N, C-alpha and C. Protein backbone atom coordinates (compact mmCIF):
# COMPACT_ATOMS: atom_id res chain seq x y z
N UNK A 1 0.84 -1.19 0.00
CA UNK A 1 0.00 0.00 0.00
C UNK A 1 0.88 1.25 0.00
N UNK A 2 0.49 2.24 -0.79
CA UNK A 2 1.27 3.44 -0.94
C UNK A 2 0.88 4.47 0.11
N UNK A 3 1.87 4.98 0.88
CA UNK A 3 1.54 5.99 1.88
C UNK A 3 1.41 7.37 1.23
N UNK A 4 1.02 8.38 2.01
CA UNK A 4 0.72 9.70 1.45
C UNK A 4 1.95 10.38 0.85
N UNK A 5 3.15 10.13 1.38
CA UNK A 5 4.37 10.73 0.82
C UNK A 5 4.64 10.15 -0.56
N UNK A 6 4.57 8.82 -0.69
CA UNK A 6 4.82 8.18 -1.98
C UNK A 6 3.75 8.58 -3.00
N UNK A 7 2.51 8.72 -2.55
CA UNK A 7 1.44 9.12 -3.47
C UNK A 7 1.74 10.52 -4.04
N UNK A 8 2.15 11.45 -3.18
CA UNK A 8 2.48 12.80 -3.64
C UNK A 8 3.70 12.77 -4.56
N UNK A 9 4.69 11.94 -4.21
CA UNK A 9 5.90 11.83 -5.02
C UNK A 9 5.56 11.27 -6.41
N UNK A 10 4.75 10.22 -6.45
CA UNK A 10 4.35 9.63 -7.73
C UNK A 10 3.55 10.62 -8.56
N UNK A 11 2.73 11.43 -7.91
CA UNK A 11 1.91 12.42 -8.63
C UNK A 11 2.77 13.43 -9.39
N UNK A 12 3.92 13.82 -8.82
CA UNK A 12 4.75 14.81 -9.51
C UNK A 12 5.80 14.15 -10.41
N UNK A 13 6.13 12.89 -10.16
CA UNK A 13 7.17 12.21 -10.93
C UNK A 13 6.63 11.53 -12.18
N UNK A 14 5.48 10.91 -12.07
CA UNK A 14 4.98 10.07 -13.16
C UNK A 14 4.28 10.89 -14.25
N UNK A 15 4.32 10.33 -15.44
CA UNK A 15 3.72 10.97 -16.60
C UNK A 15 4.75 11.11 -17.71
N UNK A 16 4.41 11.88 -18.72
CA UNK A 16 5.33 12.15 -19.83
C UNK A 16 5.76 13.61 -19.74
N UNK A 17 7.05 13.81 -19.68
CA UNK A 17 7.62 15.15 -19.57
C UNK A 17 8.75 15.29 -20.58
N UNK A 18 8.93 16.50 -21.12
CA UNK A 18 10.09 16.77 -21.96
C UNK A 18 10.54 18.21 -21.78
N UNK A 19 11.66 18.54 -22.38
CA UNK A 19 12.21 19.89 -22.27
C UNK A 19 12.16 20.62 -23.61
N UNK A 20 11.13 20.35 -24.41
CA UNK A 20 11.02 20.98 -25.72
C UNK A 20 10.97 22.50 -25.62
N UNK A 21 10.28 23.06 -24.62
CA UNK A 21 10.22 24.52 -24.47
C UNK A 21 11.61 25.09 -24.21
N UNK A 22 12.41 24.41 -23.40
CA UNK A 22 13.77 24.85 -23.12
C UNK A 22 14.61 24.81 -24.40
N UNK A 23 14.49 23.73 -25.16
CA UNK A 23 15.26 23.59 -26.41
C UNK A 23 14.86 24.68 -27.40
N UNK A 24 13.54 24.93 -27.55
CA UNK A 24 13.07 25.98 -28.46
C UNK A 24 13.64 27.34 -28.07
N UNK A 25 13.68 27.64 -26.77
CA UNK A 25 14.22 28.93 -26.30
C UNK A 25 15.72 29.01 -26.57
N UNK A 26 16.44 27.92 -26.37
CA UNK A 26 17.88 27.93 -26.62
C UNK A 26 18.18 28.13 -28.11
N UNK A 27 17.44 27.44 -28.96
CA UNK A 27 17.64 27.59 -30.41
C UNK A 27 17.31 29.01 -30.84
N UNK A 28 16.23 29.58 -30.30
CA UNK A 28 15.85 30.97 -30.62
C UNK A 28 16.93 31.95 -30.17
N UNK A 29 17.63 31.62 -29.07
CA UNK A 29 18.71 32.49 -28.56
C UNK A 29 20.02 32.27 -29.32
N UNK A 30 20.06 31.27 -30.20
CA UNK A 30 21.24 31.08 -31.03
C UNK A 30 22.09 29.86 -30.76
N UNK A 31 21.83 29.13 -29.66
CA UNK A 31 22.65 27.95 -29.39
C UNK A 31 21.93 26.97 -28.47
N UNK A 32 21.82 25.73 -28.93
CA UNK A 32 21.25 24.67 -28.09
C UNK A 32 22.33 24.16 -27.15
N UNK A 33 22.07 24.26 -25.85
CA UNK A 33 23.03 23.83 -24.84
C UNK A 33 22.72 22.44 -24.30
N UNK A 34 21.44 22.14 -24.09
CA UNK A 34 21.02 20.89 -23.48
C UNK A 34 20.56 19.90 -24.54
N UNK A 35 20.62 18.62 -24.23
CA UNK A 35 20.01 17.65 -25.15
C UNK A 35 18.49 17.77 -25.05
N UNK A 36 17.80 17.41 -26.15
CA UNK A 36 16.36 17.21 -26.03
C UNK A 36 16.20 15.98 -25.16
N UNK A 37 15.33 16.05 -24.17
CA UNK A 37 15.15 14.94 -23.24
C UNK A 37 13.67 14.73 -22.97
N UNK A 38 13.28 13.47 -22.95
CA UNK A 38 11.88 13.11 -22.68
C UNK A 38 11.88 11.95 -21.70
N UNK A 39 11.04 12.04 -20.67
CA UNK A 39 10.85 10.96 -19.71
C UNK A 39 9.41 10.48 -19.80
N UNK A 40 9.26 9.16 -19.88
CA UNK A 40 7.94 8.52 -19.76
C UNK A 40 8.05 7.65 -18.52
N UNK A 41 7.40 8.08 -17.44
CA UNK A 41 7.60 7.46 -16.13
C UNK A 41 6.28 6.96 -15.57
N UNK A 42 6.32 5.72 -15.03
CA UNK A 42 5.10 5.17 -14.43
C UNK A 42 5.47 4.14 -13.37
N UNK A 43 4.54 3.92 -12.46
CA UNK A 43 4.69 2.86 -11.46
C UNK A 43 4.62 1.53 -12.19
N UNK A 44 5.54 0.62 -11.88
CA UNK A 44 5.58 -0.66 -12.59
C UNK A 44 5.49 -1.85 -11.65
N UNK A 45 4.87 -1.66 -10.49
CA UNK A 45 4.73 -2.75 -9.52
C UNK A 45 4.08 -3.99 -10.14
N UNK A 46 3.17 -3.78 -11.09
CA UNK A 46 2.47 -4.90 -11.72
C UNK A 46 3.39 -5.74 -12.60
N UNK A 47 4.58 -5.24 -12.92
CA UNK A 47 5.54 -5.97 -13.76
C UNK A 47 6.54 -6.78 -12.94
N UNK A 48 6.48 -6.63 -11.60
CA UNK A 48 7.43 -7.31 -10.72
C UNK A 48 6.81 -8.61 -10.23
N UNK A 49 7.48 -9.73 -10.51
CA UNK A 49 7.00 -11.02 -10.00
C UNK A 49 7.89 -11.47 -8.84
N UNK A 50 7.38 -12.39 -8.04
CA UNK A 50 8.10 -12.97 -6.89
C UNK A 50 8.47 -11.95 -5.82
N UNK A 51 7.72 -10.87 -5.76
CA UNK A 51 7.96 -9.86 -4.73
C UNK A 51 7.35 -10.32 -3.41
N UNK A 52 8.12 -10.31 -2.33
CA UNK A 52 7.55 -10.72 -1.04
C UNK A 52 6.36 -9.84 -0.67
N UNK A 53 5.31 -10.41 -0.09
CA UNK A 53 4.11 -9.62 0.23
C UNK A 53 4.36 -8.49 1.22
N UNK A 54 5.39 -8.61 2.05
CA UNK A 54 5.67 -7.57 3.05
C UNK A 54 6.70 -6.55 2.56
N UNK A 55 7.07 -6.62 1.27
CA UNK A 55 8.06 -5.69 0.70
C UNK A 55 7.35 -4.39 0.34
N UNK A 56 7.49 -3.38 1.19
CA UNK A 56 6.77 -2.12 1.01
C UNK A 56 7.44 -1.27 -0.07
N UNK A 57 6.82 -0.14 -0.37
CA UNK A 57 7.37 0.78 -1.35
C UNK A 57 6.81 0.51 -2.74
N UNK A 58 7.41 1.18 -3.73
CA UNK A 58 6.94 1.02 -5.10
C UNK A 58 8.14 1.05 -6.04
N UNK A 59 7.92 0.47 -7.20
CA UNK A 59 8.92 0.48 -8.27
C UNK A 59 8.41 1.38 -9.39
N UNK A 60 9.33 2.14 -9.97
CA UNK A 60 8.99 3.06 -11.04
C UNK A 60 9.96 2.83 -12.20
N UNK A 61 9.41 2.73 -13.41
CA UNK A 61 10.22 2.61 -14.61
C UNK A 61 10.21 3.96 -15.32
N UNK A 62 11.40 4.49 -15.54
CA UNK A 62 11.55 5.77 -16.25
C UNK A 62 12.23 5.50 -17.58
N UNK A 63 11.48 5.69 -18.65
CA UNK A 63 12.06 5.61 -19.99
C UNK A 63 12.62 7.00 -20.28
N UNK A 64 13.90 7.10 -20.52
CA UNK A 64 14.52 8.39 -20.83
C UNK A 64 15.03 8.36 -22.27
N UNK A 65 14.61 9.33 -23.04
CA UNK A 65 15.00 9.45 -24.45
C UNK A 65 15.78 10.75 -24.61
N UNK A 66 16.94 10.68 -25.24
CA UNK A 66 17.78 11.86 -25.42
C UNK A 66 18.19 12.00 -26.88
N UNK A 67 18.22 13.25 -27.35
CA UNK A 67 18.84 13.59 -28.63
C UNK A 67 19.82 14.71 -28.32
N UNK A 68 21.10 14.43 -28.48
CA UNK A 68 22.13 15.39 -28.12
C UNK A 68 22.36 16.40 -29.24
N UNK A 69 22.74 17.64 -28.89
CA UNK A 69 22.98 18.66 -29.92
C UNK A 69 23.95 18.15 -30.99
N UNK A 70 23.58 18.38 -32.25
CA UNK A 70 24.42 17.96 -33.36
C UNK A 70 24.21 16.51 -33.79
N UNK A 71 23.33 15.79 -33.10
CA UNK A 71 23.07 14.39 -33.45
C UNK A 71 21.59 14.24 -33.78
N UNK A 72 21.27 13.18 -34.52
CA UNK A 72 19.89 12.94 -34.91
C UNK A 72 19.30 11.69 -34.26
N UNK A 73 20.17 10.76 -33.86
CA UNK A 73 19.65 9.51 -33.31
C UNK A 73 19.18 9.69 -31.87
N UNK A 74 18.16 8.93 -31.54
CA UNK A 74 17.60 8.95 -30.19
C UNK A 74 18.33 7.92 -29.34
N UNK A 75 18.78 8.34 -28.17
CA UNK A 75 19.43 7.43 -27.23
C UNK A 75 18.44 7.10 -26.13
N UNK A 76 18.16 5.82 -25.95
CA UNK A 76 17.22 5.35 -24.94
C UNK A 76 17.99 4.91 -23.71
N UNK A 77 17.59 5.42 -22.53
CA UNK A 77 18.20 5.05 -21.26
C UNK A 77 17.10 4.73 -20.26
N UNK A 78 16.62 3.49 -20.22
CA UNK A 78 15.60 3.14 -19.23
C UNK A 78 16.23 3.00 -17.84
N UNK A 79 15.52 3.48 -16.84
CA UNK A 79 15.98 3.39 -15.45
C UNK A 79 14.87 2.82 -14.59
N UNK A 80 15.27 1.99 -13.64
CA UNK A 80 14.32 1.41 -12.69
C UNK A 80 14.67 1.92 -11.31
N UNK A 81 13.65 2.37 -10.58
CA UNK A 81 13.86 2.90 -9.24
C UNK A 81 12.94 2.19 -8.24
N UNK A 82 13.48 2.01 -7.05
CA UNK A 82 12.69 1.52 -5.92
C UNK A 82 12.52 2.70 -4.97
N UNK A 83 11.28 2.95 -4.55
CA UNK A 83 10.99 4.09 -3.69
C UNK A 83 10.18 3.67 -2.49
N UNK A 84 10.51 4.30 -1.40
CA UNK A 84 9.74 4.14 -0.17
C UNK A 84 9.77 5.49 0.52
N UNK A 85 9.16 5.60 1.68
CA UNK A 85 9.20 6.88 2.38
C UNK A 85 9.53 6.67 3.84
N UNK A 86 9.88 7.77 4.51
CA UNK A 86 10.11 7.70 5.95
C UNK A 86 8.80 7.91 6.71
N UNK A 87 7.69 8.09 5.98
CA UNK A 87 6.38 8.28 6.59
C UNK A 87 6.14 9.68 7.13
N UNK A 88 7.13 10.57 6.99
CA UNK A 88 7.01 11.92 7.54
C UNK A 88 7.12 12.98 6.44
N UNK A 89 8.33 13.11 5.86
CA UNK A 89 8.52 14.18 4.88
C UNK A 89 9.51 13.83 3.78
N UNK A 90 9.93 12.57 3.70
CA UNK A 90 10.95 12.22 2.71
C UNK A 90 10.52 10.99 1.89
N UNK A 91 10.77 11.10 0.58
CA UNK A 91 10.69 9.95 -0.31
C UNK A 91 12.12 9.48 -0.54
N UNK A 92 12.34 8.19 -0.41
CA UNK A 92 13.68 7.61 -0.50
C UNK A 92 13.78 6.81 -1.78
N UNK A 93 14.74 7.17 -2.63
CA UNK A 93 14.87 6.55 -3.95
C UNK A 93 16.19 5.81 -4.07
N UNK A 94 16.12 4.59 -4.62
CA UNK A 94 17.31 3.81 -4.91
C UNK A 94 17.23 3.35 -6.36
N UNK A 95 18.37 3.39 -7.04
CA UNK A 95 18.45 2.95 -8.43
C UNK A 95 18.66 1.44 -8.46
N UNK A 96 17.90 0.77 -9.33
CA UNK A 96 17.94 -0.68 -9.43
C UNK A 96 18.44 -1.06 -10.83
N UNK A 97 19.35 -2.02 -10.88
CA UNK A 97 19.85 -2.51 -12.16
C UNK A 97 18.77 -3.31 -12.87
N UNK A 98 18.43 -2.91 -14.09
CA UNK A 98 17.53 -3.71 -14.91
C UNK A 98 18.32 -4.95 -15.34
N UNK A 99 17.78 -6.15 -15.15
CA UNK A 99 18.54 -7.35 -15.53
C UNK A 99 19.08 -7.26 -16.95
N UNK A 100 20.32 -7.69 -17.14
CA UNK A 100 21.02 -7.53 -18.41
C UNK A 100 20.37 -8.29 -19.56
N UNK A 101 19.57 -9.32 -19.26
CA UNK A 101 18.92 -10.07 -20.34
C UNK A 101 17.72 -9.31 -20.91
N UNK A 102 17.36 -8.19 -20.31
CA UNK A 102 16.27 -7.35 -20.83
C UNK A 102 16.90 -6.20 -21.60
N UNK A 103 16.54 -6.07 -22.87
CA UNK A 103 17.12 -5.02 -23.71
C UNK A 103 16.50 -3.66 -23.37
N UNK A 104 17.19 -2.61 -23.75
CA UNK A 104 16.67 -1.25 -23.54
C UNK A 104 15.33 -1.08 -24.24
N UNK A 105 15.20 -1.63 -25.43
CA UNK A 105 13.96 -1.50 -26.19
C UNK A 105 12.79 -2.22 -25.51
N UNK A 106 13.08 -3.28 -24.74
CA UNK A 106 12.03 -4.01 -24.04
C UNK A 106 11.58 -3.30 -22.76
N UNK A 107 12.46 -2.49 -22.18
CA UNK A 107 12.21 -1.86 -20.88
C UNK A 107 11.38 -0.60 -21.03
N UNK A 108 10.12 -0.79 -21.44
CA UNK A 108 9.20 0.34 -21.59
C UNK A 108 7.92 0.06 -20.82
N UNK A 109 7.28 1.14 -20.41
CA UNK A 109 6.05 1.02 -19.62
C UNK A 109 4.91 0.40 -20.41
N UNK A 110 4.87 0.62 -21.73
CA UNK A 110 3.76 0.09 -22.51
C UNK A 110 3.99 -1.34 -23.00
N UNK A 111 5.13 -1.95 -22.62
CA UNK A 111 5.42 -3.33 -23.00
C UNK A 111 4.69 -4.27 -22.04
N UNK A 112 3.55 -4.79 -22.48
CA UNK A 112 2.74 -5.69 -21.64
C UNK A 112 3.46 -7.00 -21.35
N UNK A 113 4.48 -7.34 -22.14
CA UNK A 113 5.24 -8.59 -21.96
C UNK A 113 6.39 -8.43 -20.98
N UNK A 114 6.70 -7.21 -20.56
CA UNK A 114 7.84 -6.97 -19.67
C UNK A 114 7.55 -7.55 -18.28
N UNK A 115 8.42 -8.45 -17.84
CA UNK A 115 8.33 -9.04 -16.51
C UNK A 115 9.69 -8.87 -15.84
N UNK A 116 9.69 -8.37 -14.61
CA UNK A 116 10.90 -8.21 -13.82
C UNK A 116 10.80 -9.10 -12.60
N UNK A 117 11.75 -10.03 -12.47
CA UNK A 117 11.75 -10.95 -11.34
C UNK A 117 12.44 -10.28 -10.17
N UNK A 118 11.72 -10.11 -9.07
CA UNK A 118 12.27 -9.44 -7.88
C UNK A 118 13.57 -10.10 -7.43
N UNK A 119 13.69 -11.41 -7.61
CA UNK A 119 14.89 -12.13 -7.20
C UNK A 119 16.12 -11.77 -8.03
N UNK A 120 15.93 -11.16 -9.19
CA UNK A 120 17.04 -10.75 -10.06
C UNK A 120 17.42 -9.28 -9.89
N UNK A 121 16.65 -8.54 -9.11
CA UNK A 121 16.88 -7.10 -9.00
C UNK A 121 17.97 -6.81 -7.97
N UNK A 122 18.90 -5.94 -8.37
CA UNK A 122 20.00 -5.54 -7.49
C UNK A 122 20.12 -4.02 -7.51
N UNK A 123 20.44 -3.45 -6.33
CA UNK A 123 20.65 -2.01 -6.26
C UNK A 123 21.97 -1.64 -6.93
N UNK A 124 21.97 -0.47 -7.58
CA UNK A 124 23.18 0.05 -8.19
C UNK A 124 23.95 0.88 -7.16
N UNK A 125 25.16 1.33 -7.50
CA UNK A 125 26.03 2.11 -6.61
C UNK A 125 25.55 3.55 -6.43
N UNK A 126 24.29 3.74 -6.34
CA UNK A 126 23.72 5.09 -6.29
C UNK A 126 23.46 5.56 -4.86
N UNK A 127 23.33 4.61 -3.93
CA UNK A 127 22.97 4.98 -2.57
C UNK A 127 21.48 5.29 -2.48
N UNK A 128 21.09 5.95 -1.40
CA UNK A 128 19.69 6.31 -1.19
C UNK A 128 19.55 7.83 -1.30
N UNK A 129 18.83 8.28 -2.31
CA UNK A 129 18.57 9.71 -2.50
C UNK A 129 17.34 10.08 -1.68
N UNK A 130 17.47 11.10 -0.82
CA UNK A 130 16.37 11.53 0.04
C UNK A 130 15.73 12.79 -0.52
N UNK A 131 14.52 12.63 -1.02
CA UNK A 131 13.74 13.75 -1.56
C UNK A 131 12.89 14.32 -0.43
N UNK A 132 13.04 15.61 -0.16
CA UNK A 132 12.30 16.27 0.92
C UNK A 132 11.03 16.91 0.38
N UNK A 133 9.90 16.60 1.02
CA UNK A 133 8.61 17.20 0.66
C UNK A 133 8.50 18.56 1.34
N UNK A 134 8.12 19.58 0.54
CA UNK A 134 7.93 20.93 1.06
C UNK A 134 6.44 21.27 1.14
N UNK A 135 6.12 22.32 1.87
CA UNK A 135 4.72 22.70 2.10
C UNK A 135 3.95 22.98 0.80
N UNK A 136 4.65 23.43 -0.24
CA UNK A 136 3.99 23.72 -1.51
C UNK A 136 3.76 22.48 -2.37
N UNK A 137 4.13 21.29 -1.83
CA UNK A 137 3.91 20.04 -2.56
C UNK A 137 5.07 19.62 -3.44
N UNK A 138 6.13 20.42 -3.49
CA UNK A 138 7.29 20.05 -4.30
C UNK A 138 8.25 19.19 -3.48
N UNK A 139 9.14 18.49 -4.18
CA UNK A 139 10.19 17.69 -3.58
C UNK A 139 11.53 18.19 -4.10
N UNK A 140 12.56 18.19 -3.24
CA UNK A 140 13.91 18.54 -3.68
C UNK A 140 14.90 17.50 -3.17
N UNK A 141 16.00 17.38 -3.91
CA UNK A 141 17.07 16.47 -3.52
C UNK A 141 18.40 17.05 -3.99
N UNK A 142 19.43 16.80 -3.21
CA UNK A 142 20.82 17.08 -3.60
C UNK A 142 21.60 15.86 -3.12
N UNK A 143 21.86 14.95 -4.04
CA UNK A 143 22.43 13.64 -3.68
C UNK A 143 23.69 13.40 -4.50
N UNK A 144 24.75 12.99 -3.82
CA UNK A 144 25.98 12.64 -4.53
C UNK A 144 26.30 11.18 -4.30
N UNK A 145 26.70 10.50 -5.38
CA UNK A 145 27.01 9.07 -5.31
C UNK A 145 28.39 8.82 -5.89
N UNK A 146 29.15 7.98 -5.20
CA UNK A 146 30.44 7.52 -5.71
C UNK A 146 30.16 6.25 -6.51
N UNK A 147 30.30 6.35 -7.82
CA UNK A 147 29.97 5.24 -8.70
C UNK A 147 31.15 4.28 -8.91
N UNK A 148 32.30 4.60 -8.32
CA UNK A 148 33.49 3.75 -8.47
C UNK A 148 34.36 4.18 -9.64
N UNK A 149 35.59 3.74 -9.65
CA UNK A 149 36.55 4.06 -10.72
C UNK A 149 36.71 5.56 -10.95
N UNK A 150 36.66 6.35 -9.86
CA UNK A 150 36.86 7.79 -9.98
C UNK A 150 35.66 8.56 -10.49
N UNK A 151 34.52 7.89 -10.66
CA UNK A 151 33.32 8.53 -11.21
C UNK A 151 32.38 8.91 -10.08
N UNK A 152 31.98 10.19 -10.04
CA UNK A 152 30.98 10.64 -9.08
C UNK A 152 29.79 11.23 -9.84
N UNK A 153 28.63 11.07 -9.25
CA UNK A 153 27.39 11.53 -9.86
C UNK A 153 26.63 12.33 -8.81
N UNK A 154 26.30 13.58 -9.13
CA UNK A 154 25.53 14.41 -8.20
C UNK A 154 24.22 14.79 -8.88
N UNK A 155 23.13 14.52 -8.17
CA UNK A 155 21.79 14.82 -8.66
C UNK A 155 21.20 15.94 -7.82
N UNK A 156 20.87 17.04 -8.48
CA UNK A 156 20.19 18.17 -7.84
C UNK A 156 18.87 18.33 -8.60
N UNK A 157 17.77 18.14 -7.88
CA UNK A 157 16.49 18.06 -8.58
C UNK A 157 15.37 18.70 -7.77
N UNK A 158 14.45 19.33 -8.49
CA UNK A 158 13.20 19.82 -7.91
C UNK A 158 12.06 19.22 -8.72
N UNK A 159 11.13 18.58 -8.04
CA UNK A 159 9.95 18.01 -8.68
C UNK A 159 8.74 18.77 -8.16
N UNK A 160 7.88 19.22 -9.07
CA UNK A 160 6.67 19.93 -8.66
C UNK A 160 5.57 19.63 -9.66
N UNK A 161 4.38 20.15 -9.40
CA UNK A 161 3.27 19.94 -10.33
C UNK A 161 3.55 20.57 -11.68
N UNK A 162 4.47 21.54 -11.72
CA UNK A 162 4.82 22.20 -12.98
C UNK A 162 5.78 21.39 -13.83
N UNK A 163 6.58 20.53 -13.21
CA UNK A 163 7.55 19.74 -13.96
C UNK A 163 8.76 19.40 -13.11
N UNK A 164 9.86 19.11 -13.78
CA UNK A 164 11.11 18.74 -13.12
C UNK A 164 12.23 19.66 -13.54
N UNK A 165 13.07 20.03 -12.59
CA UNK A 165 14.32 20.74 -12.86
C UNK A 165 15.42 19.77 -12.45
N UNK A 166 16.21 19.28 -13.40
CA UNK A 166 17.16 18.21 -13.13
C UNK A 166 18.57 18.63 -13.55
N UNK A 167 19.48 18.66 -12.57
CA UNK A 167 20.89 18.90 -12.85
C UNK A 167 21.66 17.66 -12.45
N UNK A 168 22.30 17.05 -13.41
CA UNK A 168 23.13 15.88 -13.16
C UNK A 168 24.58 16.27 -13.41
N UNK A 169 25.38 16.26 -12.38
CA UNK A 169 26.79 16.62 -12.51
C UNK A 169 27.63 15.35 -12.40
N UNK A 170 28.35 15.05 -13.46
CA UNK A 170 29.19 13.86 -13.51
C UNK A 170 30.64 14.31 -13.55
N UNK A 171 31.45 13.74 -12.65
CA UNK A 171 32.88 14.01 -12.61
C UNK A 171 33.65 12.70 -12.73
N UNK A 172 34.73 12.75 -13.49
CA UNK A 172 35.63 11.59 -13.59
C UNK A 172 37.00 12.04 -13.10
N UNK A 173 37.45 11.44 -12.00
CA UNK A 173 38.73 11.82 -11.37
C UNK A 173 38.81 13.32 -11.12
N UNK A 174 37.69 13.91 -10.66
CA UNK A 174 37.64 15.32 -10.30
C UNK A 174 37.39 16.27 -11.46
N UNK A 175 37.33 15.75 -12.70
CA UNK A 175 37.10 16.59 -13.88
C UNK A 175 35.63 16.47 -14.29
N UNK A 176 34.94 17.62 -14.41
CA UNK A 176 33.52 17.62 -14.78
C UNK A 176 33.37 17.20 -16.24
N UNK A 177 32.50 16.22 -16.46
CA UNK A 177 32.26 15.78 -17.84
C UNK A 177 30.83 16.08 -18.31
N UNK A 178 30.00 16.62 -17.42
CA UNK A 178 28.67 17.08 -17.84
C UNK A 178 28.88 18.27 -18.77
N UNK A 179 28.31 18.26 -19.99
CA UNK A 179 28.60 19.31 -20.96
C UNK A 179 27.81 20.61 -20.78
N UNK A 180 27.00 20.75 -19.73
CA UNK A 180 26.24 21.97 -19.50
C UNK A 180 26.23 22.26 -18.01
N UNK A 181 25.89 23.51 -17.65
CA UNK A 181 25.99 23.96 -16.26
C UNK A 181 24.66 24.36 -15.64
N UNK A 182 23.58 24.15 -16.34
CA UNK A 182 22.26 24.53 -15.83
C UNK A 182 21.33 23.32 -15.96
N UNK A 183 20.25 23.27 -15.18
CA UNK A 183 19.38 22.09 -15.19
C UNK A 183 18.59 21.93 -16.48
N UNK A 184 18.24 20.67 -16.75
CA UNK A 184 17.25 20.39 -17.79
C UNK A 184 15.88 20.71 -17.19
N UNK A 185 15.07 21.44 -17.94
CA UNK A 185 13.76 21.88 -17.46
C UNK A 185 12.65 21.09 -18.16
N UNK A 186 12.15 20.08 -17.47
CA UNK A 186 11.09 19.23 -18.03
C UNK A 186 9.73 19.82 -17.68
N UNK A 187 8.83 19.74 -18.65
CA UNK A 187 7.44 20.14 -18.44
C UNK A 187 6.54 19.00 -18.90
N UNK A 188 5.35 18.91 -18.33
CA UNK A 188 4.42 17.85 -18.69
C UNK A 188 3.98 18.02 -20.15
N UNK A 189 3.94 16.91 -20.87
CA UNK A 189 3.51 16.89 -22.27
C UNK A 189 2.00 16.67 -22.26
N UNK A 190 1.29 17.54 -22.96
CA UNK A 190 -0.16 17.39 -23.05
C UNK A 190 -0.48 16.25 -23.99
N UNK A 191 -1.41 15.37 -23.56
CA UNK A 191 -1.75 14.24 -24.44
C UNK A 191 -2.99 14.51 -25.24
């Protein structure tokens, strides 16, 4: 059963969002800085088999599609997350490795054949990101993870009813490799 914190978190996280307005503004200003990015995110608990009945929380599948400046091909990066809450003011997110036998193309929310065996799911080196719920209904996080081999990943994010502001800072051996310095601004796509 989903508690009130997770319900609020799912309400602002799930759906289809993209940064087309941000890209249009950048192109109009003379230079595209960010990749075009689209997220199709939904709760995928119904796709998890062999889950213990007392295993609380929820699983979310985020299909991420990117087109980088100067390129035409779409890069698909599906992500699986396990979320729970502290029951007070925080949603706790952990990144889960999608089993390697499942292709990126198969890992979509609309794939009725997609089955994820709970016994095959493993947490990635991401740690636990703590999203704080604010009085206005938004959530914020500033989480840094040591991914190993000199790679660090810092996620600074605001989720609200208006959309997502996502800054992902990646460093390799102390050198920033993220090609932009401002967040990607996702807005809900009207269906």
